[in-house]
């Protein structure tokens, strides 16, 4: 199937999964890159407290808050 046919099928709400190779699918810029960050004890304790309130892990709350801040920054630049 050509790209324009695929696009038209998608836009028309047709089933397109059969044309996809889901085993080879990738999300751009989503690969994991491990970083180490040192935080003062009070900050870790505050992060843990907030994470417990939300029922998530410390890592999750850090990721969400950083993503929100970066999105906000990106919108401010535009």
N, C-alpha and C. Protein backbone atom coordinates (compact mmCIF):
# COMPACT_ATOMS: atom_id res chain seq x y z
N UNK A 1 0.85 -1.17 0.00
CA UNK A 1 0.00 0.00 0.00
C UNK A 1 0.90 1.24 0.00
N UNK A 2 0.57 2.18 -0.83
CA UNK A 2 1.34 3.42 -0.91
C UNK A 2 0.95 4.34 0.24
N UNK A 3 1.83 5.25 0.57
CA UNK A 3 1.62 6.15 1.71
C UNK A 3 0.34 6.96 1.57
N UNK A 4 0.06 7.46 0.38
CA UNK A 4 -1.16 8.27 0.21
C UNK A 4 -2.42 7.42 0.37
N UNK A 5 -2.36 6.15 -0.06
CA UNK A 5 -3.49 5.24 0.14
C UNK A 5 -3.68 4.93 1.63
N UNK A 6 -2.56 4.72 2.30
CA UNK A 6 -2.60 4.45 3.74
C UNK A 6 -3.21 5.64 4.47
N UNK A 7 -2.75 6.84 4.13
CA UNK A 7 -3.26 8.06 4.75
C UNK A 7 -4.75 8.24 4.51
N UNK A 8 -5.19 7.96 3.29
CA UNK A 8 -6.61 8.10 2.96
C UNK A 8 -7.43 7.07 3.74
N UNK A 9 -6.93 5.85 3.86
CA UNK A 9 -7.63 4.81 4.61
C UNK A 9 -7.76 5.23 6.08
N UNK A 10 -6.69 5.75 6.63
CA UNK A 10 -6.70 6.22 8.03
C UNK A 10 -7.72 7.34 8.21
N UNK A 11 -7.68 8.32 7.33
CA UNK A 11 -8.60 9.46 7.41
C UNK A 11 -10.06 9.04 7.26
N UNK A 12 -10.30 7.98 6.51
CA UNK A 12 -11.66 7.48 6.30
C UNK A 12 -12.12 6.56 7.43
N UNK A 13 -11.25 6.35 8.41
CA UNK A 13 -11.62 5.51 9.54
C UNK A 13 -11.57 4.02 9.24
N UNK A 14 -10.91 3.65 8.17
CA UNK A 14 -10.80 2.24 7.81
C UNK A 14 -9.80 1.53 8.72
N UNK A 15 -9.91 0.23 8.81
CA UNK A 15 -8.99 -0.58 9.61
C UNK A 15 -7.64 -0.64 8.91
N UNK A 16 -6.58 -0.18 9.58
CA UNK A 16 -5.25 -0.12 8.95
C UNK A 16 -4.22 -0.99 9.66
N UNK A 17 -4.60 -1.62 10.78
CA UNK A 17 -3.65 -2.39 11.56
C UNK A 17 -2.99 -3.49 10.74
N UNK A 18 -3.73 -4.09 9.83
CA UNK A 18 -3.18 -5.17 9.03
C UNK A 18 -2.00 -4.71 8.16
N UNK A 19 -1.88 -3.42 7.92
CA UNK A 19 -0.80 -2.89 7.10
C UNK A 19 0.43 -2.49 7.92
N UNK A 20 0.33 -2.60 9.23
CA UNK A 20 1.41 -2.17 10.11
C UNK A 20 2.25 -3.34 10.59
N UNK A 21 3.53 -3.13 10.73
CA UNK A 21 4.42 -4.11 11.35
C UNK A 21 4.64 -3.63 12.78
N UNK A 22 3.78 -4.06 13.68
CA UNK A 22 3.83 -3.57 15.05
C UNK A 22 5.07 -4.02 15.81
N UNK A 23 5.71 -5.11 15.38
CA UNK A 23 6.94 -5.55 16.03
C UNK A 23 8.10 -4.60 15.76
N UNK A 24 8.03 -3.88 14.66
CA UNK A 24 9.10 -2.95 14.31
C UNK A 24 8.75 -1.50 14.65
N UNK A 25 7.58 -1.28 15.23
CA UNK A 25 7.14 0.09 15.53
C UNK A 25 8.01 0.72 16.60
N UNK A 26 8.32 1.99 16.42
CA UNK A 26 9.11 2.76 17.38
C UNK A 26 8.47 4.11 17.59
N UNK A 27 8.67 4.65 18.78
CA UNK A 27 8.21 6.01 19.06
C UNK A 27 9.44 6.89 19.08
N UNK A 28 9.53 7.87 18.17
CA UNK A 28 10.72 8.71 18.10
C UNK A 28 10.96 9.46 19.41
N UNK A 29 12.21 9.60 19.77
CA UNK A 29 12.65 10.32 20.97
C UNK A 29 12.08 9.74 22.26
N UNK A 30 11.74 8.46 22.27
CA UNK A 30 11.21 7.83 23.47
C UNK A 30 12.16 6.80 24.07
N UNK A 31 13.34 6.64 23.47
CA UNK A 31 14.28 5.70 24.05
C UNK A 31 14.73 6.21 25.42
N UNK A 32 15.05 5.28 26.28
CA UNK A 32 15.40 5.62 27.65
C UNK A 32 16.87 5.99 27.75
N UNK A 33 17.15 7.05 28.45
CA UNK A 33 18.52 7.49 28.74
C UNK A 33 18.61 7.67 30.25
N UNK A 34 19.42 6.86 30.90
CA UNK A 34 19.53 6.92 32.35
C UNK A 34 20.43 8.10 32.75
N UNK A 35 19.97 8.85 33.75
CA UNK A 35 20.76 9.94 34.32
C UNK A 35 20.75 9.81 35.84
N UNK A 36 21.79 10.29 36.45
CA UNK A 36 21.86 10.32 37.91
C UNK A 36 21.81 11.77 38.37
N UNK A 37 20.95 12.03 39.33
CA UNK A 37 20.80 13.39 39.85
C UNK A 37 20.86 13.31 41.37
N UNK A 38 21.65 14.17 41.97
CA UNK A 38 21.72 14.23 43.42
C UNK A 38 20.79 15.31 43.93
N UNK A 39 19.94 14.95 44.90
CA UNK A 39 19.01 15.87 45.52
C UNK A 39 19.33 15.98 47.01
N UNK A 40 19.10 17.14 47.60
CA UNK A 40 19.23 17.23 49.06
C UNK A 40 18.16 16.36 49.73
N UNK A 41 18.45 15.92 50.93
CA UNK A 41 17.56 15.01 51.66
C UNK A 41 16.15 15.58 51.78
N UNK A 42 16.01 16.88 52.10
CA UNK A 42 14.69 17.47 52.27
C UNK A 42 13.86 17.34 50.99
N UNK A 43 14.54 17.45 49.83
CA UNK A 43 13.84 17.39 48.56
C UNK A 43 13.35 15.96 48.30
N UNK A 44 14.18 14.98 48.59
CA UNK A 44 13.77 13.58 48.41
C UNK A 44 12.59 13.26 49.31
N UNK A 45 12.65 13.74 50.54
CA UNK A 45 11.54 13.51 51.48
C UNK A 45 10.26 14.16 50.98
N UNK A 46 10.37 15.38 50.45
CA UNK A 46 9.20 16.07 49.91
C UNK A 46 8.65 15.36 48.68
N UNK A 47 9.55 14.89 47.82
CA UNK A 47 9.12 14.13 46.64
C UNK A 47 8.39 12.86 47.04
N UNK A 48 8.95 12.16 48.03
CA UNK A 48 8.32 10.92 48.50
C UNK A 48 6.94 11.19 49.09
N UNK A 49 6.81 12.27 49.83
CA UNK A 49 5.53 12.63 50.43
C UNK A 49 4.49 12.90 49.34
N UNK A 50 4.86 13.69 48.33
CA UNK A 50 3.96 13.99 47.23
C UNK A 50 3.62 12.74 46.43
N UNK A 51 4.62 11.89 46.22
CA UNK A 51 4.39 10.66 45.47
C UNK A 51 3.40 9.75 46.22
N UNK A 52 3.55 9.64 47.53
CA UNK A 52 2.62 8.83 48.32
C UNK A 52 1.20 9.38 48.23
N UNK A 53 1.07 10.71 48.29
CA UNK A 53 -0.26 11.32 48.19
C UNK A 53 -0.93 10.97 46.87
N UNK A 54 -0.14 10.92 45.80
CA UNK A 54 -0.68 10.65 44.47
C UNK A 54 -0.71 9.15 44.15
N UNK A 55 -0.08 8.35 45.00
CA UNK A 55 -0.06 6.92 44.77
C UNK A 55 0.84 6.50 43.61
N UNK A 56 1.94 7.24 43.44
CA UNK A 56 2.89 6.92 42.38
C UNK A 56 4.29 6.81 42.97
N UNK A 57 5.24 6.42 42.16
CA UNK A 57 6.62 6.31 42.62
C UNK A 57 7.31 7.67 42.57
N UNK A 58 8.41 7.77 43.27
CA UNK A 58 9.22 8.99 43.23
C UNK A 58 9.65 9.27 41.79
N UNK A 59 10.12 8.24 41.09
CA UNK A 59 10.57 8.41 39.71
C UNK A 59 9.44 8.95 38.83
N UNK A 60 8.24 8.43 39.02
CA UNK A 60 7.10 8.89 38.22
C UNK A 60 6.80 10.36 38.43
N UNK A 61 6.78 10.77 39.68
CA UNK A 61 6.45 12.18 39.95
C UNK A 61 7.54 13.11 39.40
N UNK A 62 8.80 12.68 39.49
CA UNK A 62 9.88 13.49 38.92
C UNK A 62 9.70 13.61 37.42
N UNK A 63 9.41 12.51 36.75
CA UNK A 63 9.23 12.54 35.29
C UNK A 63 8.06 13.43 34.88
N UNK A 64 6.94 13.29 35.58
CA UNK A 64 5.75 14.08 35.24
C UNK A 64 6.03 15.57 35.45
N UNK A 65 6.60 15.92 36.60
CA UNK A 65 6.86 17.33 36.88
C UNK A 65 7.87 17.92 35.91
N UNK A 66 8.90 17.17 35.58
CA UNK A 66 9.88 17.68 34.60
C UNK A 66 9.24 17.84 33.22
N UNK A 67 8.43 16.88 32.82
CA UNK A 67 7.76 16.97 31.52
C UNK A 67 6.85 18.19 31.47
N UNK A 68 6.10 18.43 32.55
CA UNK A 68 5.21 19.60 32.59
C UNK A 68 6.02 20.89 32.48
N UNK A 69 7.11 20.95 33.19
CA UNK A 69 7.94 22.16 33.17
C UNK A 69 8.55 22.39 31.79
N UNK A 70 9.02 21.31 31.17
CA UNK A 70 9.61 21.43 29.84
C UNK A 70 8.57 21.83 28.79
N UNK A 71 7.36 21.28 28.90
CA UNK A 71 6.29 21.67 27.98
C UNK A 71 5.95 23.14 28.16
N UNK A 72 5.86 23.58 29.41
CA UNK A 72 5.57 24.98 29.71
C UNK A 72 6.66 25.89 29.13
N UNK A 73 7.91 25.48 29.29
CA UNK A 73 9.03 26.26 28.77
C UNK A 73 8.99 26.32 27.24
N UNK A 74 8.68 25.20 26.62
CA UNK A 74 8.62 25.16 25.15
C UNK A 74 7.52 26.07 24.63
N UNK A 75 6.40 26.14 25.34
CA UNK A 75 5.29 27.00 24.90
C UNK A 75 5.64 28.48 25.10
N UNK A 76 6.42 28.77 26.12
CA UNK A 76 6.81 30.16 26.39
C UNK A 76 7.74 30.70 25.32
N UNK A 77 8.53 29.82 24.72
CA UNK A 77 9.50 30.23 23.71
C UNK A 77 8.81 30.58 22.40
N UNK A 78 7.70 29.91 22.14
CA UNK A 78 6.99 30.12 20.86
C UNK A 78 6.41 31.45 20.79
